[in-house]
């Protein structure tokens, strides 16, 4: 196999081969054969605030060879959905298979007791002891791993040491501090402490391995750390795969791209050694360097301003390459999906909940399909259980449906409609229509007393495309 720099000089074919994808033929390189008796692996790549226009296979002029190859290898959905258009509840839905309104967190249930209409938003963290995809697979003998952005509730804030701030600034969230030095030993000690505590919290939900943990980058209140670091996350994913290559595994890999700050700023200006886990001894070397990615994009004839799309693709490709090197490609299900769409984030309009979604599994999913059928992220839990031959616990409720019959081509579709919710808003769509309604609750005093309340459109419907 050529070195990374040799492959970069070879252009798209070399770069794609390096990362494990064969662009010609829209397939993945496979260097070995998976043992027949092995249960399938599953990797879920969960991206952040991603629109369709950052992926080439959805018809946009960006250089994303590995995502495009995955689309050729599996099913690319035009009508992939999340039940809600914001991060936390969307992530809750993916890992539990539940609508956000079924949040089991005691604080949520106290706010919305039985028979009181819920208002799901950034109030839906995972509850301790709640079943997740990871906890169910772990009990079934799977190795389970998490890397990247968690954002479904954190550990007790009292356990987290605050970053050193001035008394005048301590009570404020913004502006971000410019003077916090990520190389400062005391700052590193605090970051490492917080990272360890976050890992302990995440492992409570069924993950054997929790590393390279991030939240929204601006939460650290330091401009020096308010950047994306997909290389650091990708390296953590590779470490997990390397350590569990001989057993079936489930990896939940969450990248912070394309959330704010704009990833192009991170690509050009960030120090790749600065991370939420402390300042690194060296920059991760698991994918082309940031400079090489920019040059690659220009060489392939794409605008430099789109290089951040390729940056994400190369992080994805680094994992695809490792699967190929280990001979695990053919029997690993890969799910690529975003937590919400950025166009109308915070809503249940199409620009908030219709997200890129691709699924591949060479052993059972015929590839090269572009589907207009409905699928939601709540369907992933039962679909993964079905693929892996795992029974969910009797007391685990799931709102999603098993999509394997559709993925295998045995059924044309597995759902006739999709449901959405946020705040007072609800919506339902079919393949042709979408109906939206706003129903203010009794708690919405400010809305109910507003002078312009009567002018607010409470219901709407429109034809899909």
Protein backbone atom coordinates (compact mmCIF):
# COMPACT_ATOMS: atom_id res chain seq x y z
CA UNK A 1 0.00 0.00 0.00
CA UNK A 2 1.39 3.46 -0.87
CA UNK A 3 2.18 5.95 1.84
CA UNK A 4 -0.32 8.69 2.52
CA UNK A 5 1.70 11.31 0.69
CA UNK A 6 2.31 9.01 -2.26
CA UNK A 7 -1.40 8.38 -2.53
CA UNK A 8 -2.14 12.09 -2.36
CA UNK A 9 0.14 12.65 -5.33
CA UNK A 10 -1.82 10.03 -7.24
CA UNK A 11 -4.98 12.13 -7.06
CA UNK A 12 -8.48 10.92 -6.30
CA UNK A 13 -7.87 7.26 -7.07
CA UNK A 14 -4.85 7.16 -4.79
CA UNK A 15 -6.50 9.09 -2.02
CA UNK A 16 -9.59 6.93 -2.13
CA UNK A 17 -7.57 3.72 -2.20
CA UNK A 18 -5.51 4.96 0.71
CA UNK A 19 -8.60 5.49 2.83
CA UNK A 20 -10.10 2.13 1.91
CA UNK A 21 -12.59 3.12 -0.78
CA UNK A 22 -12.53 2.31 -4.45
CA UNK A 23 -14.12 5.26 -6.23
CA UNK A 24 -14.18 3.38 -9.51
CA UNK A 25 -17.15 1.07 -9.15
CA UNK A 26 -18.38 2.91 -6.04
CA UNK A 27 -17.11 0.21 -3.67
CA UNK A 28 -14.82 -0.30 -0.72
CA UNK A 29 -11.46 -2.01 -0.92
CA UNK A 30 -11.43 -5.33 0.93
CA UNK A 31 -8.10 -6.86 1.90
CA UNK A 32 -9.37 -9.93 3.69
CA UNK A 33 -12.41 -12.07 4.42
CA UNK A 34 -14.54 -11.90 7.52
CA UNK A 35 -14.94 -15.24 9.31
CA UNK A 36 -18.36 -16.67 8.44
CA UNK A 37 -19.31 -17.37 12.07
CA UNK A 38 -18.65 -13.84 13.25
CA UNK A 39 -21.63 -11.68 14.14
CA UNK A 40 -21.76 -8.38 12.22
CA UNK A 41 -20.09 -5.26 13.52
CA UNK A 42 -21.96 -1.95 13.54
CA UNK A 43 -20.55 1.57 13.25
CA UNK A 44 -22.82 4.59 13.49
CA UNK A 45 -21.29 7.83 12.22
CA UNK A 46 -23.38 10.63 13.70
CA UNK A 47 -22.58 14.08 12.31
CA UNK A 48 -23.68 17.47 13.58
CA UNK A 49 -25.82 20.13 11.87
CA UNK A 50 -25.17 18.61 8.45
CA UNK A 51 -27.03 19.62 5.33
CA UNK A 52 -27.12 17.66 2.07
CA UNK A 53 -24.97 20.23 0.27
CA UNK A 54 -21.80 19.03 2.05
CA UNK A 55 -21.90 15.56 0.45
CA UNK A 56 -21.08 14.97 -3.19
CA UNK A 57 -23.30 11.92 -3.76
CA UNK A 58 -26.35 14.04 -2.94
CA UNK A 59 -25.61 16.04 -6.08
CA UNK A 60 -23.43 18.88 -4.80
CA UNK A 61 -20.01 20.06 -6.04
CA UNK A 62 -17.90 18.94 -3.07
CA UNK A 63 -15.12 16.37 -2.87
CA UNK A 64 -16.29 13.53 -0.60
CA UNK A 65 -15.00 10.31 -2.21
CA UNK A 66 -15.53 8.02 0.79
CA UNK A 67 -19.11 9.07 1.48
CA UNK A 68 -19.84 8.82 -2.24
CA UNK A 69 -18.37 5.31 -2.32
CA UNK A 70 -20.52 4.34 0.65
CA UNK A 71 -23.61 5.51 -1.25
CA UNK A 72 -22.60 3.21 -4.10
CA UNK A 73 -22.05 0.37 -1.67
CA UNK A 74 -25.34 0.75 0.21
CA UNK A 75 -28.60 2.70 0.31
CA UNK A 76 -28.72 6.50 0.13
CA UNK A 77 -31.94 7.90 1.58
CA UNK A 78 -33.49 11.14 0.38
CA UNK A 79 -36.12 10.99 3.13
CA UNK A 80 -34.03 10.23 6.19
CA UNK A 81 -35.40 11.96 9.27
CA UNK A 82 -34.81 12.75 12.89
CA UNK A 83 -37.94 13.31 15.04
CA UNK A 84 -36.72 16.75 16.12
CA UNK A 85 -34.50 19.47 14.70
CA UNK A 86 -31.99 19.98 17.53
CA UNK A 87 -29.03 18.05 18.90
CA UNK A 88 -29.75 16.61 22.34
CA UNK A 89 -33.19 15.07 21.80
CA UNK A 90 -32.15 13.80 18.37
CA UNK A 91 -29.23 11.95 19.96
CA UNK A 92 -31.52 10.61 22.68
CA UNK A 93 -33.81 9.21 19.97
CA UNK A 94 -30.98 7.53 18.09
CA UNK A 95 -29.50 5.66 21.07
CA UNK A 96 -32.86 4.64 22.59
CA UNK A 97 -35.23 4.25 19.61
CA UNK A 98 -37.69 6.56 21.39
CA UNK A 99 -39.38 9.83 20.56
CA UNK A 100 -37.94 12.70 22.64
CA UNK A 101 -41.19 13.08 24.60
CA UNK A 102 -40.51 9.70 26.20
CA UNK A 103 -37.44 11.10 27.95
CA UNK A 104 -37.08 9.18 31.22
CA UNK A 105 -34.98 11.79 33.01
CA UNK A 106 -36.73 12.55 36.36
CA UNK A 107 -36.41 16.32 35.84
CA UNK A 108 -38.26 16.01 32.49
CA UNK A 109 -40.96 13.77 33.95
CA UNK A 110 -41.45 16.17 36.85
CA UNK A 111 -41.85 19.05 34.42
CA UNK A 112 -44.30 17.07 32.29
CA UNK A 113 -46.13 14.55 34.49
CA UNK A 114 -48.59 12.05 33.08
CA UNK A 115 -51.37 13.58 30.95
CA UNK A 116 -49.49 16.89 30.63
CA UNK A 117 -48.41 17.68 27.03
CA UNK A 118 -44.64 17.64 26.75
CA UNK A 119 -42.49 20.33 25.22
CA UNK A 120 -39.30 18.49 24.16
CA UNK A 121 -36.28 20.67 23.46
CA UNK A 122 -32.89 20.90 25.18
CA UNK A 123 -34.40 19.22 28.25
CA UNK A 124 -34.10 15.56 27.25
CA UNK A 125 -30.93 13.94 28.63
CA UNK A 126 -30.54 10.20 29.04
CA UNK A 127 -31.73 8.88 32.38
CA UNK A 128 -29.42 6.71 34.43
CA UNK A 129 -30.28 3.05 33.98
CA UNK A 130 -32.08 3.65 30.69
CA UNK A 131 -31.63 1.03 27.96
CA UNK A 132 -29.56 2.07 24.94
CA UNK A 133 -28.38 0.35 21.79
CA UNK A 134 -24.99 -0.01 23.45
CA UNK A 135 -26.26 -1.50 26.71
CA UNK A 136 -28.37 -4.09 24.89
CA UNK A 137 -25.53 -5.11 22.55
CA UNK A 138 -23.07 -5.23 25.45
CA UNK A 139 -25.26 -7.73 27.30
CA UNK A 140 -25.37 -9.77 24.07
CA UNK A 141 -21.57 -10.04 24.05
CA UNK A 142 -20.61 -7.09 21.87
CA UNK A 143 -17.69 -4.79 22.59
CA UNK A 144 -19.14 -1.28 22.69
CA UNK A 145 -17.34 1.99 22.09
CA UNK A 146 -18.05 5.70 22.00
CA UNK A 147 -15.99 8.58 20.62
CA UNK A 148 -16.79 12.20 19.90
CA UNK A 149 -19.67 14.47 20.84
CA UNK A 150 -21.91 13.10 23.60
CA UNK A 151 -24.40 15.89 24.36
CA UNK A 152 -27.14 13.72 25.93
CA UNK A 153 -26.58 14.92 29.46
CA UNK A 154 -23.41 15.04 31.48
CA UNK A 155 -22.02 14.08 34.86
CA UNK A 156 -22.73 15.98 38.05
CA UNK A 157 -21.34 19.46 37.48
CA UNK A 158 -19.91 19.36 40.98
CA UNK A 159 -17.46 16.70 39.79
CA UNK A 160 -16.19 18.88 36.97
CA UNK A 161 -13.50 21.37 37.79
CA UNK A 162 -14.20 24.78 36.26
CA UNK A 163 -11.65 26.33 33.97
CA UNK A 164 -9.80 29.18 35.69
CA UNK A 165 -11.63 32.43 35.00
CA UNK A 166 -11.70 35.91 36.47
CA UNK A 167 -14.36 36.67 39.08
CA UNK A 168 -15.89 39.32 36.80
CA UNK A 169 -16.24 36.90 33.89
CA UNK A 170 -17.13 33.73 35.79
CA UNK A 171 -20.88 34.28 35.68
CA UNK A 172 -20.95 34.95 31.95
CA UNK A 173 -21.04 32.47 29.08
CA UNK A 174 -19.62 34.87 26.50
CA UNK A 175 -17.41 36.34 25.22
CA UNK A 176 -15.00 33.46 24.92
CA UNK A 177 -11.69 33.99 26.62
CA UNK A 178 -8.72 34.65 24.42
CA UNK A 179 -6.08 34.32 27.12
CA UNK A 180 -6.62 30.70 28.19
CA UNK A 181 -3.56 28.78 27.09
CA UNK A 182 -4.30 25.11 26.24
CA UNK A 183 -0.61 24.33 26.84
CA UNK A 184 -0.81 25.56 30.42
CA UNK A 185 -0.24 22.51 32.71
CA UNK A 186 -3.05 23.57 35.06
CA UNK A 187 -5.49 23.96 32.17
CA UNK A 188 -4.44 20.54 30.84
CA UNK A 189 -4.92 18.99 34.26
CA UNK A 190 -8.49 20.30 34.43
CA UNK A 191 -9.27 19.19 30.88
CA UNK A 192 -7.92 15.70 31.56
CA UNK A 193 -9.91 15.49 34.80
CA UNK A 194 -13.15 16.52 33.09
CA UNK A 195 -12.53 14.13 30.22
CA UNK A 196 -12.10 11.23 32.65
CA UNK A 197 -15.30 12.12 34.52
CA UNK A 198 -17.23 12.38 31.25
CA UNK A 199 -15.94 8.96 30.24
CA UNK A 200 -17.09 7.42 33.50
CA UNK A 201 -20.54 8.92 32.95
CA UNK A 202 -20.85 7.63 29.37
CA UNK A 203 -19.79 4.12 30.34
CA UNK A 204 -22.89 3.92 32.56
CA UNK A 205 -24.98 3.66 29.40
CA UNK A 206 -23.42 0.46 28.11
CA UNK A 207 -20.13 1.58 26.59
CA UNK A 208 -17.02 -0.42 27.44
CA UNK A 209 -14.87 2.26 25.84
CA UNK A 210 -15.45 6.02 25.98
CA UNK A 211 -12.69 8.28 24.73
CA UNK A 212 -12.02 11.46 22.71
CA UNK A 213 -15.14 12.94 24.29
CA UNK A 214 -16.36 16.35 23.18
CA UNK A 215 -19.30 18.63 23.74
CA UNK A 216 -20.03 21.79 21.79
CA UNK A 217 -16.63 23.39 21.39
CA UNK A 218 -17.79 26.80 22.63
CA UNK A 219 -18.75 25.25 25.99
CA UNK A 220 -15.10 25.41 27.16
CA UNK A 221 -15.24 29.20 27.07
CA UNK A 222 -11.83 29.41 25.47
CA UNK A 223 -11.23 30.73 22.01
CA UNK A 224 -8.05 28.65 21.84
CA UNK A 225 -10.16 25.49 22.24
CA UNK A 226 -13.23 26.57 20.30
CA UNK A 227 -12.28 24.50 17.27
CA UNK A 228 -13.10 21.14 15.73
CA UNK A 229 -10.62 18.28 15.91
CA UNK A 230 -11.89 15.39 13.75
CA UNK A 231 -8.43 13.79 13.66
CA UNK A 232 -8.50 13.33 17.44
CA UNK A 233 -11.93 11.68 17.26
CA UNK A 234 -10.92 9.49 14.31
CA UNK A 235 -7.81 8.31 16.18
CA UNK A 236 -9.99 7.27 19.12
CA UNK A 237 -12.26 5.31 16.77
CA UNK A 238 -9.27 3.50 15.27
CA UNK A 239 -7.93 2.66 18.74
CA UNK A 240 -11.26 1.03 19.61
CA UNK A 241 -11.40 -0.96 16.37
CA UNK A 242 -7.80 -2.12 16.75
CA UNK A 243 -8.47 -3.32 20.28
CA UNK A 244 -11.65 -5.21 19.36
CA UNK A 245 -10.87 -6.57 15.91
CA UNK A 246 -11.33 -10.19 17.03
CA UNK A 247 -14.84 -9.82 18.46
CA UNK A 248 -18.11 -8.29 17.26
CA UNK A 249 -18.26 -4.61 18.12
CA UNK A 250 -20.56 -1.60 18.10
CA UNK A 251 -18.98 1.83 17.68
CA UNK A 252 -20.91 5.07 18.09
CA UNK A 253 -18.71 7.71 16.43
CA UNK A 254 -19.97 11.28 16.77
CA UNK A 255 -18.21 14.08 14.94
CA UNK A 256 -18.70 17.76 15.79
CA UNK A 257 -18.60 18.81 12.14
CA UNK A 258 -20.47 20.83 10.82
CA UNK A 259 -21.61 22.58 14.00
CA UNK A 260 -20.38 26.08 14.82
CA UNK A 261 -17.75 27.43 14.77
CA UNK A 262 -17.60 27.15 11.00
CA UNK A 263 -15.35 24.16 10.33
CA UNK A 264 -13.38 26.02 7.67
CA UNK A 265 -12.05 28.27 10.45
CA UNK A 266 -10.87 25.22 12.37
CA UNK A 267 -9.34 23.67 9.27
CA UNK A 268 -7.17 26.73 8.60
CA UNK A 269 -6.54 28.21 12.04
CA UNK A 270 -6.68 25.54 14.75
CA UNK A 271 -3.83 23.74 16.47
CA UNK A 272 -4.54 20.00 15.95
CA UNK A 273 -2.83 19.25 19.26
CA UNK A 274 -5.39 21.28 21.25
CA UNK A 275 -8.19 18.98 22.42
CA UNK A 276 -10.91 18.77 25.04
CA UNK A 277 -8.87 16.07 26.72
CA UNK A 278 -5.80 18.26 27.14
CA UNK A 279 -2.94 19.42 24.95
CA UNK A 280 -1.59 16.50 22.92
CA UNK A 281 2.08 15.56 22.68
CA UNK A 282 1.66 15.25 18.93
CA UNK A 283 -1.03 15.83 16.33
CA UNK A 284 -2.93 12.64 15.38
CA UNK A 285 -1.55 11.15 12.15
CA UNK A 286 -4.47 9.04 10.93
CA UNK A 287 -5.51 10.93 7.81
CA UNK A 288 -4.09 13.48 5.37
CA UNK A 289 -2.90 16.65 7.06
CA UNK A 290 -5.08 19.74 6.93
CA UNK A 291 -2.75 21.39 4.45
CA UNK A 292 -2.77 18.28 2.27
CA UNK A 293 -6.58 18.20 2.29
CA UNK A 294 -6.82 21.79 1.07
CA UNK A 295 -4.33 21.06 -1.71
CA UNK A 296 -6.20 17.87 -2.61
CA UNK A 297 -9.47 19.78 -2.97
CA UNK A 298 -7.92 22.39 -5.24
CA UNK A 299 -6.13 19.76 -7.31
CA UNK A 300 -9.38 17.90 -7.89
CA UNK A 301 -10.96 21.11 -9.18
CA UNK A 302 -13.22 22.00 -6.24
CA UNK A 303 -13.42 25.41 -4.53
CA UNK A 304 -11.14 25.83 -1.54
CA UNK A 305 -14.12 27.03 0.50
CA UNK A 306 -15.51 23.47 0.37
CA UNK A 307 -12.40 21.88 1.92
CA UNK A 308 -14.16 21.41 5.26
CA UNK A 309 -16.49 18.89 3.56
CA UNK A 310 -13.46 16.87 2.43
CA UNK A 311 -11.98 17.18 5.93
CA UNK A 312 -14.97 15.37 7.37
CA UNK A 313 -14.89 12.83 4.57
CA UNK A 314 -11.24 11.99 5.27
CA UNK A 315 -12.01 11.41 8.96
CA UNK A 316 -14.78 9.03 7.89
CA UNK A 317 -12.45 7.43 5.37
CA UNK A 318 -9.76 6.72 7.96
CA UNK A 319 -12.14 4.31 9.69
CA UNK A 320 -13.24 2.74 6.40
CA UNK A 321 -9.59 2.15 5.54
CA UNK A 322 -8.89 0.41 8.84
CA UNK A 323 -11.86 -1.93 8.38
CA UNK A 324 -10.47 -2.89 4.98
CA UNK A 325 -6.99 -3.48 6.38
CA UNK A 326 -8.42 -5.79 9.05
CA UNK A 327 -10.66 -7.66 6.62
CA UNK A 328 -13.82 -6.46 8.35
CA UNK A 329 -15.47 -4.47 5.57
CA UNK A 330 -17.91 -7.05 4.24
CA UNK A 331 -19.61 -7.78 7.55
CA UNK A 332 -19.70 -4.35 9.13
CA UNK A 333 -22.90 -2.33 8.94
CA UNK A 334 -22.14 1.35 8.52
CA UNK A 335 -24.74 4.01 9.26
CA UNK A 336 -24.08 7.62 8.31
CA UNK A 337 -26.64 10.14 9.58
CA UNK A 338 -26.82 13.70 10.92
CA UNK A 339 -28.49 14.78 14.15
CA UNK A 340 -30.39 17.56 12.39
CA UNK A 341 -30.32 19.74 9.31
CA UNK A 342 -28.82 23.21 9.74
CA UNK A 343 -31.08 24.99 7.21
CA UNK A 344 -34.00 25.31 9.65
CA UNK A 345 -32.41 23.99 12.82
CA UNK A 346 -34.67 24.19 15.85
CA UNK A 347 -37.81 23.45 13.83
CA UNK A 348 -39.69 20.46 12.47
CA UNK A 349 -39.71 21.86 8.95
CA UNK A 350 -37.91 19.77 6.35
CA UNK A 351 -34.83 21.97 6.74
CA UNK A 352 -34.64 20.94 10.39
CA UNK A 353 -35.47 17.23 10.37
CA UNK A 354 -34.71 15.89 6.87
CA UNK A 355 -31.09 14.76 7.12
CA UNK A 356 -28.47 12.89 5.09
CA UNK A 357 -28.73 9.17 5.81
CA UNK A 358 -26.84 6.26 4.24
CA UNK A 359 -26.66 2.63 5.32
CA UNK A 360 -24.43 -0.15 4.01
CA UNK A 361 -23.82 -3.78 4.91
CA UNK A 362 -22.35 -5.83 2.06
CA UNK A 363 -23.51 -9.15 3.50
CA UNK A 364 -27.21 -8.26 3.53
CA UNK A 365 -27.91 -4.88 1.90
CA UNK A 366 -27.88 -4.70 -1.92
CA UNK A 367 -25.90 -1.60 -2.84
CA UNK A 368 -26.19 1.26 -5.30
CA UNK A 369 -29.73 2.24 -4.35
CA UNK A 370 -31.17 5.74 -4.00
CA UNK A 371 -34.31 5.50 -1.89
CA UNK A 372 -37.18 7.96 -1.50
CA UNK A 373 -38.75 5.85 1.28
CA UNK A 374 -39.13 7.12 4.83
CA UNK A 375 -36.71 6.20 7.60
CA UNK A 376 -36.12 7.84 10.99
CA UNK A 377 -33.24 7.65 13.43
CA UNK A 378 -35.54 5.89 15.93
CA UNK A 379 -35.55 2.99 13.45
CA UNK A 380 -31.83 2.39 13.88
CA UNK A 381 -32.07 0.63 17.26
CA UNK A 382 -34.51 -2.09 16.15
CA UNK A 383 -32.71 -2.39 12.79
CA UNK A 384 -29.36 -2.97 14.48
CA UNK A 385 -30.87 -5.50 16.88
CA UNK A 386 -32.43 -7.34 13.94
CA UNK A 387 -29.18 -7.46 11.99
CA UNK A 388 -27.21 -8.65 15.01
CA UNK A 389 -29.79 -11.25 16.07
CA UNK A 390 -30.24 -9.59 19.45
CA UNK A 391 -33.50 -9.47 21.41
CA UNK A 392 -34.29 -6.23 23.19
CA UNK A 393 -35.13 -6.48 26.91
CA UNK A 394 -38.81 -7.04 27.68
CA UNK A 395 -39.00 -3.71 29.50
CA UNK A 396 -37.37 -1.70 26.69
CA UNK A 397 -39.91 0.29 24.72
CA UNK A 398 -39.01 1.27 21.16
CA UNK A 399 -40.97 3.62 18.91
CA UNK A 400 -38.93 2.85 15.78
CA UNK A 401 -39.45 0.00 13.33
CA UNK A 402 -37.05 -2.63 11.99
CA UNK A 403 -35.85 -1.39 8.58
CA UNK A 404 -33.95 -4.57 7.65
CA UNK A 405 -36.72 -5.91 5.36
CA UNK A 406 -36.51 -2.67 3.37
CA UNK A 407 -32.71 -2.62 3.41
CA UNK A 408 -32.55 -6.21 2.19
CA UNK A 409 -35.04 -5.40 -0.59
CA UNK A 410 -37.73 -7.72 0.77
CA UNK A 411 -40.20 -4.86 1.34
CA UNK A 412 -40.65 -1.61 -0.51
CA UNK A 413 -41.10 0.34 2.72
CA UNK A 414 -41.44 -0.26 6.47
CA UNK A 415 -43.25 2.91 7.49
CA UNK A 416 -46.09 4.89 5.95
CA UNK A 417 -45.54 8.03 8.01
CA UNK A 418 -43.07 9.83 10.24
CA UNK A 419 -43.83 11.89 13.34
CA UNK A 420 -42.02 15.01 14.59
CA UNK A 421 -42.11 17.22 17.67
CA UNK A 422 -40.44 20.23 19.23
CA UNK A 423 -41.79 22.55 21.89
CA UNK A 424 -45.47 23.14 21.16
CA UNK A 425 -45.12 21.98 17.55
CA UNK A 426 -46.02 18.60 16.10
CA UNK A 427 -45.94 17.27 12.55
CA UNK A 428 -46.63 14.13 10.59
CA UNK A 429 -45.54 13.34 7.06
CA UNK A 430 -46.17 10.68 4.47
CA UNK A 431 -44.25 10.29 1.25
CA UNK A 432 -46.50 12.94 -0.34
CA UNK A 433 -47.72 15.28 2.39
CA UNK A 434 -46.61 16.90 5.62
CA UNK A 435 -48.96 18.42 8.20
CA UNK A 436 -47.68 20.76 10.92
CA UNK A 437 -49.55 22.10 13.94
CA UNK A 438 -48.69 24.39 16.86
CA UNK A 439 -50.61 23.75 20.07
CA UNK A 440 -49.54 26.08 22.89
CA UNK A 441 -49.86 24.45 26.30
CA UNK A 442 -51.17 25.99 29.50
CA UNK A 443 -47.61 26.72 30.49
CA UNK A 444 -47.20 29.02 27.52
CA UNK A 445 -48.41 32.11 29.40
CA UNK A 446 -46.26 34.50 27.42
CA UNK A 447 -47.60 33.17 24.14
CA UNK A 448 -51.23 33.11 25.29
CA UNK A 449 -51.13 36.74 26.40
CA UNK A 450 -49.25 38.02 23.37
CA UNK A 451 -51.09 40.71 21.40
CA UNK A 452 -50.17 39.18 18.08
CA UNK A 453 -51.18 35.63 19.07
CA UNK A 454 -54.14 35.58 16.68
CA UNK A 455 -51.86 36.34 13.76
CA UNK A 456 -49.77 33.25 14.42
CA UNK A 457 -50.44 30.42 11.98
CA UNK A 458 -51.15 27.39 14.11
CA UNK A 459 -51.59 24.86 11.33
CA UNK A 460 -50.08 24.29 7.94
CA UNK A 461 -49.69 21.56 5.42
CA UNK A 462 -47.72 21.21 2.24
CA UNK A 463 -46.96 18.70 -0.41
CA UNK A 464 -43.54 17.08 -0.25
CA UNK A 465 -41.59 18.02 -3.37
